[in-house]
Amino acid sequence: MMDIKIDETAGYIELTVDGAIDKAGYEAAVAAIEALLKTHKKINAVEVVRSFAGMEPSLWWRDLNYSFSRLDSFGRCAVVTDNGWMGPMARFFAAFLSVQVRTFDLKDLETARAWAKDGV
């Protein structure tokens, strides 16, 4: 399941994953990102991963292509999770990206939101 919150004025999106990502959730997230990009050159994001039970196989390649095509559209991205492997993976890939990426524990969600929105 994916929950999506946006702040159109701030150019901010928050995606919360809790379980598997299905086609409907993925398409809703892409639509929300595209809507924000109509009025903002760059947007900031928080991805909260409470649990991750995978993604529909048909979405993996599509997501990879979409993600790389939109890398220059993000300013700050916070990855918030207590999942042991996601934080290190996000930090590893961040070294190769122009996007500012930081990882946070779930208990630090409010700090992650403040950093993503305002850089503090």
Protein backbone atom coordinates (compact mmCIF):
# COMPACT_ATOMS: atom_id res chain seq x y z
CA MET A 1 0.00 0.00 0.00
CA MET A 2 1.15 3.52 -0.74
CA ASP A 3 -0.14 6.71 0.83
CA ILE A 4 0.58 10.01 -0.93
CA LYS A 5 0.53 13.51 0.57
CA ILE A 6 1.43 16.62 -1.37
CA ASP A 7 1.94 20.27 -0.56
CA GLU A 8 1.47 22.04 -3.88
CA THR A 9 2.60 25.41 -2.56
CA ALA A 10 5.88 24.05 -1.20
CA GLY A 11 6.51 21.61 -4.06
CA TYR A 12 6.68 18.73 -1.59
CA ILE A 13 5.55 15.11 -1.78
CA GLU A 14 5.51 12.45 0.89
CA LEU A 15 5.14 8.81 -0.08
CA THR A 16 4.50 6.22 2.62
CA VAL A 17 5.00 2.57 1.73
CA ASP A 18 3.58 -0.09 4.02
CA GLY A 19 3.57 -3.45 2.26
CA ALA A 20 3.69 -4.12 -1.46
CA ILE A 21 3.60 -1.45 -4.16
CA ASP A 22 0.94 -2.23 -6.74
CA LYS A 23 0.29 -0.66 -10.13
CA ALA A 24 -2.44 1.67 -8.85
CA GLY A 25 -0.24 3.02 -6.05
CA TYR A 26 2.73 3.46 -8.35
CA GLU A 27 0.68 5.27 -11.00
CA ALA A 28 -0.86 7.55 -8.36
CA ALA A 29 2.63 8.47 -7.12
CA VAL A 30 3.87 9.24 -10.64
CA ALA A 31 0.76 11.34 -11.34
CA ALA A 32 1.29 13.32 -8.12
CA ILE A 33 4.95 13.95 -8.98
CA GLU A 34 4.07 15.05 -12.50
CA ALA A 35 1.36 17.39 -11.17
CA LEU A 36 3.87 19.07 -8.84
CA LEU A 37 6.40 19.41 -11.65
CA LYS A 38 3.92 21.44 -13.69
CA THR A 39 4.36 24.29 -11.21
CA HIS A 40 7.80 23.58 -9.71
CA LYS A 41 11.12 23.08 -11.49
CA LYS A 42 12.34 20.93 -8.58
CA ILE A 43 10.40 19.23 -5.84
CA ASN A 44 11.41 17.83 -2.47
CA ALA A 45 10.34 14.42 -1.23
CA VAL A 46 10.09 12.20 1.80
CA GLU A 47 9.73 8.47 1.30
CA VAL A 48 8.61 6.70 4.44
CA VAL A 49 9.06 2.94 4.26
CA ARG A 50 7.30 1.29 7.18
CA SER A 51 7.50 -2.12 5.52
CA PHE A 52 8.33 -3.20 1.99
CA ALA A 53 6.85 -6.40 0.58
CA GLY A 54 8.04 -5.84 -2.97
CA MET A 55 6.68 -4.30 -6.12
CA GLU A 56 4.69 -5.81 -8.94
CA PRO A 57 7.29 -7.27 -11.32
CA SER A 58 5.95 -5.31 -14.29
CA LEU A 59 6.79 -2.06 -12.47
CA TRP A 60 10.51 -2.62 -11.79
CA TRP A 61 11.83 -1.62 -15.22
CA ARG A 62 9.24 1.12 -15.60
CA ASP A 63 10.21 2.59 -12.22
CA LEU A 64 13.92 2.44 -12.98
CA ASN A 65 13.42 4.31 -16.26
CA TYR A 66 11.09 6.87 -14.71
CA SER A 67 13.35 7.47 -11.72
CA PHE A 68 16.42 8.12 -13.84
CA SER A 69 14.48 10.38 -16.20
CA ARG A 70 13.39 12.57 -13.25
CA LEU A 71 16.59 12.76 -11.17
CA ASP A 72 17.11 16.43 -12.05
CA SER A 73 13.56 17.19 -10.90
CA PHE A 74 14.30 16.61 -7.21
CA GLY A 75 16.12 18.88 -4.79
CA ARG A 76 16.10 17.01 -1.48
CA CYS A 77 14.92 13.44 -0.84
CA ALA A 78 14.64 11.97 2.63
CA VAL A 79 14.37 8.20 3.00
CA VAL A 80 12.78 7.33 6.34
CA THR A 81 12.88 3.71 7.43
CA ASP A 82 13.93 1.25 10.08
CA ASN A 83 14.46 -1.36 7.36
CA GLY A 84 18.08 -2.42 7.80
CA TRP A 85 19.16 -2.55 4.15
CA MET A 86 17.38 0.48 2.71
CA GLY A 87 19.31 3.19 4.52
CA PRO A 88 22.76 1.97 3.46
CA MET A 89 21.54 1.38 -0.10
CA ALA A 90 20.09 4.91 -0.33
CA ARG A 91 23.33 6.41 1.01
CA PHE A 92 25.39 4.39 -1.48
CA PHE A 93 23.39 5.52 -4.51
CA ALA A 94 23.22 9.11 -3.24
CA ALA A 95 26.96 9.39 -3.82
CA PHE A 96 26.34 9.12 -7.57
CA LEU A 97 23.34 11.46 -7.82
CA SER A 98 22.88 15.20 -8.05
CA VAL A 99 19.90 14.91 -5.69
CA GLN A 100 20.53 15.59 -2.00
CA VAL A 101 19.61 12.37 -0.20
CA ARG A 102 19.55 11.77 3.54
CA THR A 103 18.32 8.80 5.51
CA PHE A 104 16.43 8.92 8.80
CA ASP A 105 15.01 6.42 11.27
CA LEU A 106 11.22 6.29 11.58
CA LYS A 107 11.44 7.98 14.99
CA ASP A 108 12.97 11.00 13.21
CA LEU A 109 10.18 11.48 10.67
CA GLU A 110 9.48 15.10 11.71
CA THR A 111 13.18 15.95 11.34
CA ALA A 112 13.17 14.34 7.89
CA ARG A 113 10.14 16.38 6.85
CA ALA A 114 11.76 19.62 8.03
CA TRP A 115 14.98 18.82 6.17
CA ALA A 116 13.17 17.88 2.95
CA LYS A 117 10.91 20.94 3.01
CA ASP A 118 13.33 23.59 4.25
CA GLY A 119 16.81 22.09 4.29
CA VAL A 120 17.11 22.36 8.08
